[in-house]
Amino acid sequence: QVQLVESGGDLVQPGGSLKLSCAASGINFSFYNGAWYRQAPGKQRELVASLFREGTTNYIDSVKGRFTLSRDNAKNTLTLEMNSLKPEDTAVYFCTAQRGATAYWGQGTQVTVSS
């Protein structure tokens, strides 16, 4: 059984930092494209950052220079480091592992940026 379990979401002040972690079981993350999506209240889910199997990363413009996506093959985890957080980063963040037509999703972790 495949499971993706996110952790690290929290309430943080603007300008603060958080590290989100996604632990995979049942799959080897290094064989999948990993990504983080987010969904804010009343908005559609959006792709935030992707890490392809060969190591290429992509970010949406609004997080470039602030967020860093990485994978730890030994721990089988996908990590999103978020710095200089803004209120507009508030959302539920979801981890995914995708290969071909197969996609696995975590349950999400809440990130709230507020003073």
N, C-alpha and C. Protein backbone atom coordinates (compact mmCIF):
# COMPACT_ATOMS: atom_id res chain seq x y z
N GLN A 1 0.84 -1.19 0.00
CA GLN A 1 0.00 0.00 0.00
C GLN A 1 0.89 1.25 0.00
N VAL A 2 0.56 2.15 -0.91
CA VAL A 2 1.35 3.37 -1.03
C VAL A 2 0.76 4.45 -0.12
N GLN A 3 1.65 5.11 0.61
CA GLN A 3 1.23 6.23 1.45
C GLN A 3 2.21 7.37 1.31
N LEU A 4 1.67 8.57 1.21
CA LEU A 4 2.46 9.78 1.29
C LEU A 4 1.96 10.56 2.49
N VAL A 5 2.84 10.87 3.41
CA VAL A 5 2.44 11.53 4.65
C VAL A 5 3.20 12.85 4.77
N GLU A 6 2.44 13.95 4.72
CA GLU A 6 3.05 15.26 4.84
C GLU A 6 3.12 15.70 6.30
N SER A 7 4.09 16.52 6.59
CA SER A 7 4.22 17.10 7.92
C SER A 7 4.93 18.45 7.80
N GLY A 8 4.87 19.23 8.87
CA GLY A 8 5.59 20.50 8.91
C GLY A 8 4.73 21.73 8.77
N GLY A 9 3.47 21.58 8.43
CA GLY A 9 2.60 22.74 8.33
C GLY A 9 2.38 23.39 9.69
N ASP A 10 2.19 24.71 9.68
CA ASP A 10 2.06 25.42 10.95
C ASP A 10 1.56 26.83 10.70
N LEU A 11 1.33 27.55 11.77
CA LEU A 11 1.04 28.98 11.72
C LEU A 11 2.36 29.72 11.87
N VAL A 12 2.64 30.63 10.94
CA VAL A 12 3.90 31.37 10.96
C VAL A 12 3.62 32.82 10.58
N GLN A 13 4.44 33.71 11.10
CA GLN A 13 4.28 35.13 10.77
C GLN A 13 4.85 35.44 9.39
N PRO A 14 4.36 36.48 8.75
CA PRO A 14 4.94 36.89 7.46
C PRO A 14 6.44 37.09 7.58
N GLY A 15 7.16 36.61 6.58
CA GLY A 15 8.61 36.66 6.61
C GLY A 15 9.26 35.45 7.23
N GLY A 16 8.47 34.59 7.82
CA GLY A 16 8.99 33.40 8.48
C GLY A 16 9.28 32.27 7.51
N SER A 17 9.69 31.15 8.09
CA SER A 17 10.08 29.98 7.28
C SER A 17 9.42 28.72 7.82
N LEU A 18 9.20 27.79 6.91
CA LEU A 18 8.71 26.45 7.27
C LEU A 18 9.37 25.44 6.36
N LYS A 19 9.47 24.22 6.87
CA LYS A 19 9.96 23.11 6.05
C LYS A 19 8.89 22.03 6.05
N LEU A 20 8.35 21.75 4.87
CA LEU A 20 7.37 20.68 4.72
C LEU A 20 8.07 19.42 4.27
N SER A 21 7.68 18.30 4.87
CA SER A 21 8.27 17.03 4.53
C SER A 21 7.19 16.06 4.08
N CYS A 22 7.52 15.24 3.10
CA CYS A 22 6.60 14.22 2.60
C CYS A 22 7.33 12.89 2.64
N ALA A 23 6.87 12.00 3.51
CA ALA A 23 7.48 10.69 3.65
C ALA A 23 6.68 9.66 2.86
N ALA A 24 7.36 8.94 1.99
CA ALA A 24 6.70 7.95 1.16
C ALA A 24 6.96 6.54 1.67
N SER A 25 5.93 5.72 1.59
CA SER A 25 6.07 4.29 1.87
C SER A 25 5.34 3.54 0.77
N GLY A 26 5.88 2.39 0.41
CA GLY A 26 5.27 1.58 -0.65
C GLY A 26 5.77 1.90 -2.04
N ILE A 27 6.52 2.99 -2.18
CA ILE A 27 7.15 3.35 -3.44
C ILE A 27 8.55 3.88 -3.16
N ASN A 28 9.36 3.88 -4.21
CA ASN A 28 10.67 4.50 -4.14
C ASN A 28 10.55 5.85 -4.83
N PHE A 29 10.66 6.91 -4.04
CA PHE A 29 10.46 8.25 -4.56
C PHE A 29 11.40 8.58 -5.72
N SER A 30 12.57 7.99 -5.74
CA SER A 30 13.55 8.32 -6.77
C SER A 30 13.10 7.87 -8.16
N PHE A 31 12.11 6.99 -8.22
CA PHE A 31 11.59 6.53 -9.51
C PHE A 31 10.37 7.33 -9.98
N TYR A 32 10.00 8.34 -9.20
CA TYR A 32 8.82 9.14 -9.49
C TYR A 32 9.18 10.62 -9.62
N ASN A 33 8.34 11.33 -10.32
CA ASN A 33 8.39 12.79 -10.29
C ASN A 33 7.63 13.23 -9.05
N GLY A 34 8.28 14.06 -8.24
CA GLY A 34 7.64 14.55 -7.04
C GLY A 34 7.20 16.00 -7.21
N ALA A 35 6.15 16.36 -6.49
CA ALA A 35 5.66 17.73 -6.59
C ALA A 35 4.88 18.11 -5.33
N TRP A 36 4.79 19.40 -5.12
CA TRP A 36 3.92 19.96 -4.09
C TRP A 36 2.88 20.85 -4.77
N TYR A 37 1.64 20.65 -4.39
CA TYR A 37 0.53 21.50 -4.81
C TYR A 37 0.02 22.22 -3.56
N ARG A 38 -0.77 23.25 -3.79
CA ARG A 38 -1.45 23.90 -2.67
C ARG A 38 -2.84 24.34 -3.09
N GLN A 39 -3.70 24.43 -2.11
CA GLN A 39 -5.06 24.89 -2.36
C GLN A 39 -5.48 25.83 -1.25
N ALA A 40 -5.73 27.06 -1.63
CA ALA A 40 -6.20 28.08 -0.69
C ALA A 40 -7.72 28.05 -0.66
N PRO A 41 -8.33 28.53 0.41
CA PRO A 41 -9.79 28.54 0.51
C PRO A 41 -10.42 29.26 -0.68
N GLY A 42 -11.37 28.61 -1.31
CA GLY A 42 -12.09 29.22 -2.42
C GLY A 42 -11.33 29.27 -3.72
N LYS A 43 -10.15 28.65 -3.76
CA LYS A 43 -9.34 28.68 -4.98
C LYS A 43 -9.06 27.27 -5.47
N GLN A 44 -8.66 27.19 -6.73
CA GLN A 44 -8.30 25.89 -7.29
C GLN A 44 -6.93 25.46 -6.80
N ARG A 45 -6.76 24.16 -6.79
CA ARG A 45 -5.45 23.61 -6.42
C ARG A 45 -4.44 24.00 -7.49
N GLU A 46 -3.25 24.42 -7.06
CA GLU A 46 -2.22 24.83 -8.02
C GLU A 46 -0.91 24.12 -7.73
N LEU A 47 -0.18 23.87 -8.80
CA LEU A 47 1.14 23.27 -8.70
C LEU A 47 2.12 24.32 -8.23
N VAL A 48 2.85 24.02 -7.18
CA VAL A 48 3.81 24.97 -6.61
C VAL A 48 5.23 24.69 -7.09
N ALA A 49 5.63 23.42 -7.01
CA ALA A 49 7.00 23.07 -7.36
C ALA A 49 7.06 21.61 -7.76
N SER A 50 7.93 21.32 -8.73
CA SER A 50 8.11 19.95 -9.23
C SER A 50 9.57 19.58 -9.19
N LEU A 51 9.82 18.31 -8.91
CA LEU A 51 11.18 17.76 -8.96
C LEU A 51 11.11 16.48 -9.79
N PHE A 52 11.72 16.53 -10.98
CA PHE A 52 11.66 15.38 -11.87
C PHE A 52 12.73 14.37 -11.46
N ARG A 53 12.56 13.16 -11.96
CA ARG A 53 13.43 12.06 -11.55
C ARG A 53 14.90 12.37 -11.78
N GLU A 54 15.19 13.06 -12.90
CA GLU A 54 16.59 13.32 -13.22
C GLU A 54 17.16 14.50 -12.43
N GLY A 55 16.30 15.17 -11.64
CA GLY A 55 16.79 16.23 -10.77
C GLY A 55 16.38 17.63 -11.14
N THR A 56 15.71 17.81 -12.26
CA THR A 56 15.27 19.14 -12.67
C THR A 56 14.14 19.62 -11.78
N THR A 57 14.18 20.87 -11.41
CA THR A 57 13.12 21.46 -10.59
C THR A 57 12.45 22.60 -11.33
N ASN A 58 11.16 22.76 -11.09
CA ASN A 58 10.39 23.88 -11.62
C ASN A 58 9.58 24.49 -10.49
N TYR A 59 9.41 25.81 -10.55
CA TYR A 59 8.64 26.52 -9.53
C TYR A 59 7.71 27.51 -10.22
N ILE A 60 6.58 27.76 -9.59
CA ILE A 60 5.74 28.84 -10.10
C ILE A 60 6.42 30.16 -9.75
N ASP A 61 6.11 31.17 -10.54
CA ASP A 61 6.81 32.45 -10.42
C ASP A 61 6.70 33.04 -9.01
N SER A 62 5.55 32.88 -8.39
CA SER A 62 5.32 33.54 -7.10
C SER A 62 6.17 32.98 -5.97
N VAL A 63 6.80 31.81 -6.16
CA VAL A 63 7.62 31.23 -5.09
C VAL A 63 9.09 31.13 -5.46
N LYS A 64 9.42 31.48 -6.70
CA LYS A 64 10.82 31.40 -7.13
C LYS A 64 11.71 32.27 -6.23
N GLY A 65 12.82 31.71 -5.82
CA GLY A 65 13.73 32.43 -4.94
C GLY A 65 13.38 32.32 -3.47
N ARG A 66 12.20 31.82 -3.17
CA ARG A 66 11.77 31.68 -1.77
C ARG A 66 11.61 30.22 -1.35
N PHE A 67 11.18 29.37 -2.27
CA PHE A 67 10.93 27.96 -1.97
C PHE A 67 12.01 27.11 -2.64
N THR A 68 12.38 26.02 -1.97
CA THR A 68 13.34 25.07 -2.52
C THR A 68 12.81 23.65 -2.32
N LEU A 69 12.75 22.90 -3.42
CA LEU A 69 12.26 21.52 -3.39
C LEU A 69 13.44 20.57 -3.53
N SER A 70 13.47 19.57 -2.66
CA SER A 70 14.56 18.60 -2.72
C SER A 70 14.05 17.22 -2.36
N ARG A 71 14.84 16.23 -2.68
CA ARG A 71 14.48 14.83 -2.40
C ARG A 71 15.65 14.17 -1.68
N ASP A 72 15.32 13.40 -0.68
CA ASP A 72 16.33 12.61 0.04
C ASP A 72 16.07 11.14 -0.28
N ASN A 73 16.88 10.58 -1.14
CA ASN A 73 16.62 9.20 -1.57
C ASN A 73 16.82 8.21 -0.42
N ALA A 74 17.74 8.48 0.45
CA ALA A 74 18.00 7.57 1.57
C ALA A 74 16.81 7.51 2.53
N LYS A 75 16.18 8.68 2.74
CA LYS A 75 15.03 8.73 3.65
C LYS A 75 13.71 8.57 2.91
N ASN A 76 13.77 8.58 1.57
CA ASN A 76 12.57 8.45 0.74
C ASN A 76 11.57 9.56 1.05
N THR A 77 12.08 10.78 1.10
CA THR A 77 11.24 11.93 1.42
C THR A 77 11.41 13.03 0.38
N LEU A 78 10.39 13.86 0.31
CA LEU A 78 10.38 15.04 -0.56
C LEU A 78 10.17 16.24 0.36
N THR A 79 11.05 17.22 0.28
CA THR A 79 11.02 18.34 1.21
C THR A 79 10.86 19.65 0.48
N LEU A 80 9.97 20.49 1.01
CA LEU A 80 9.77 21.84 0.46
C LEU A 80 10.17 22.84 1.54
N GLU A 81 11.26 23.52 1.32
CA GLU A 81 11.69 24.57 2.23
C GLU A 81 11.10 25.90 1.76
N MET A 82 10.43 26.57 2.68
CA MET A 82 9.73 27.80 2.33
C MET A 82 10.25 28.94 3.19
N ASN A 83 10.77 29.96 2.55
CA ASN A 83 11.29 31.13 3.24
C ASN A 83 10.54 32.38 2.81
N SER A 84 10.72 33.43 3.59
CA SER A 84 10.07 34.72 3.29
C SER A 84 8.59 34.53 3.00
N LEU A 85 7.93 33.80 3.86
CA LEU A 85 6.53 33.46 3.63
C LEU A 85 5.63 34.69 3.65
N LYS A 86 4.61 34.65 2.82
CA LYS A 86 3.66 35.75 2.67
C LYS A 86 2.26 35.25 3.01
N PRO A 87 1.37 36.13 3.38
CA PRO A 87 -0.01 35.70 3.67
C PRO A 87 -0.64 34.95 2.50
N GLU A 88 -0.27 35.31 1.29
CA GLU A 88 -0.84 34.63 0.12
C GLU A 88 -0.31 33.21 -0.07
N ASP A 89 0.64 32.80 0.74
CA ASP A 89 1.11 31.42 0.72
C ASP A 89 0.22 30.51 1.58
N THR A 90 -0.71 31.11 2.28
CA THR A 90 -1.62 30.33 3.13
C THR A 90 -2.44 29.37 2.29
N ALA A 91 -2.38 28.09 2.64
CA ALA A 91 -3.09 27.06 1.88
C ALA A 91 -2.85 25.71 2.54
N VAL A 92 -3.59 24.72 2.07
CA VAL A 92 -3.26 23.33 2.38
C VAL A 92 -2.29 22.86 1.30
N TYR A 93 -1.17 22.30 1.73
CA TYR A 93 -0.13 21.85 0.81
C TYR A 93 -0.17 20.33 0.71
N PHE A 94 -0.14 19.86 -0.54
CA PHE A 94 -0.23 18.44 -0.83
C PHE A 94 1.02 17.96 -1.55
N CYS A 95 1.47 16.80 -1.17
CA CYS A 95 2.61 16.16 -1.83
C CYS A 95 2.09 15.13 -2.82
N THR A 96 2.77 15.00 -3.96
CA THR A 96 2.39 13.99 -4.94
C THR A 96 3.63 13.24 -5.45
N ALA A 97 3.39 12.02 -5.90
CA ALA A 97 4.39 11.23 -6.60
C ALA A 97 3.72 10.74 -7.87
N GLN A 98 4.34 11.04 -9.02
CA GLN A 98 3.70 10.74 -10.29
C GLN A 98 4.67 9.99 -11.20
N ARG A 99 4.11 9.00 -11.90
CA ARG A 99 4.87 8.31 -12.93
C ARG A 99 3.89 7.81 -13.96
N GLY A 100 4.02 8.32 -15.17
CA GLY A 100 3.07 7.97 -16.21
C GLY A 100 1.67 8.41 -15.81
N ALA A 101 0.72 7.49 -15.89
CA ALA A 101 -0.66 7.80 -15.56
C ALA A 101 -0.97 7.58 -14.08
N THR A 102 0.04 7.19 -13.32
CA THR A 102 -0.15 6.90 -11.90
C THR A 102 0.26 8.10 -11.06
N ALA A 103 -0.61 8.47 -10.15
CA ALA A 103 -0.31 9.58 -9.25
C ALA A 103 -0.81 9.25 -7.85
N TYR A 104 0.05 9.46 -6.88
CA TYR A 104 -0.31 9.26 -5.48
C TYR A 104 -0.30 10.62 -4.78
N TRP A 105 -1.24 10.79 -3.86
CA TRP A 105 -1.39 12.06 -3.15
C TRP A 105 -1.36 11.84 -1.65
N GLY A 106 -0.81 12.80 -0.95
CA GLY A 106 -0.90 12.81 0.49
C GLY A 106 -2.18 13.47 0.93
N GLN A 107 -2.37 13.54 2.25
CA GLN A 107 -3.62 14.07 2.78
C GLN A 107 -3.58 15.59 2.98
N GLY A 108 -2.40 16.17 2.89
CA GLY A 108 -2.27 17.62 3.00
C GLY A 108 -1.83 18.09 4.37
N THR A 109 -1.19 19.24 4.38
CA THR A 109 -0.78 19.86 5.64
C THR A 109 -1.05 21.36 5.54
N GLN A 110 -1.60 21.93 6.61
CA GLN A 110 -2.04 23.33 6.58
C GLN A 110 -0.88 24.26 6.87
N VAL A 111 -0.72 25.25 5.99
CA VAL A 111 0.23 26.33 6.21
C VAL A 111 -0.56 27.63 6.31
N THR A 112 -0.40 28.33 7.41
CA THR A 112 -1.07 29.60 7.61
C THR A 112 -0.04 30.67 7.90
N VAL A 113 -0.05 31.71 7.08
CA VAL A 113 0.88 32.82 7.25
C VAL A 113 0.08 34.04 7.68
N SER A 114 0.26 34.43 8.92
CA SER A 114 -0.54 35.52 9.47
C SER A 114 0.15 36.13 10.67
N SER A 115 -0.06 37.43 10.84
CA SER A 115 0.49 38.10 12.02
C SER A 115 -0.56 38.13 13.14
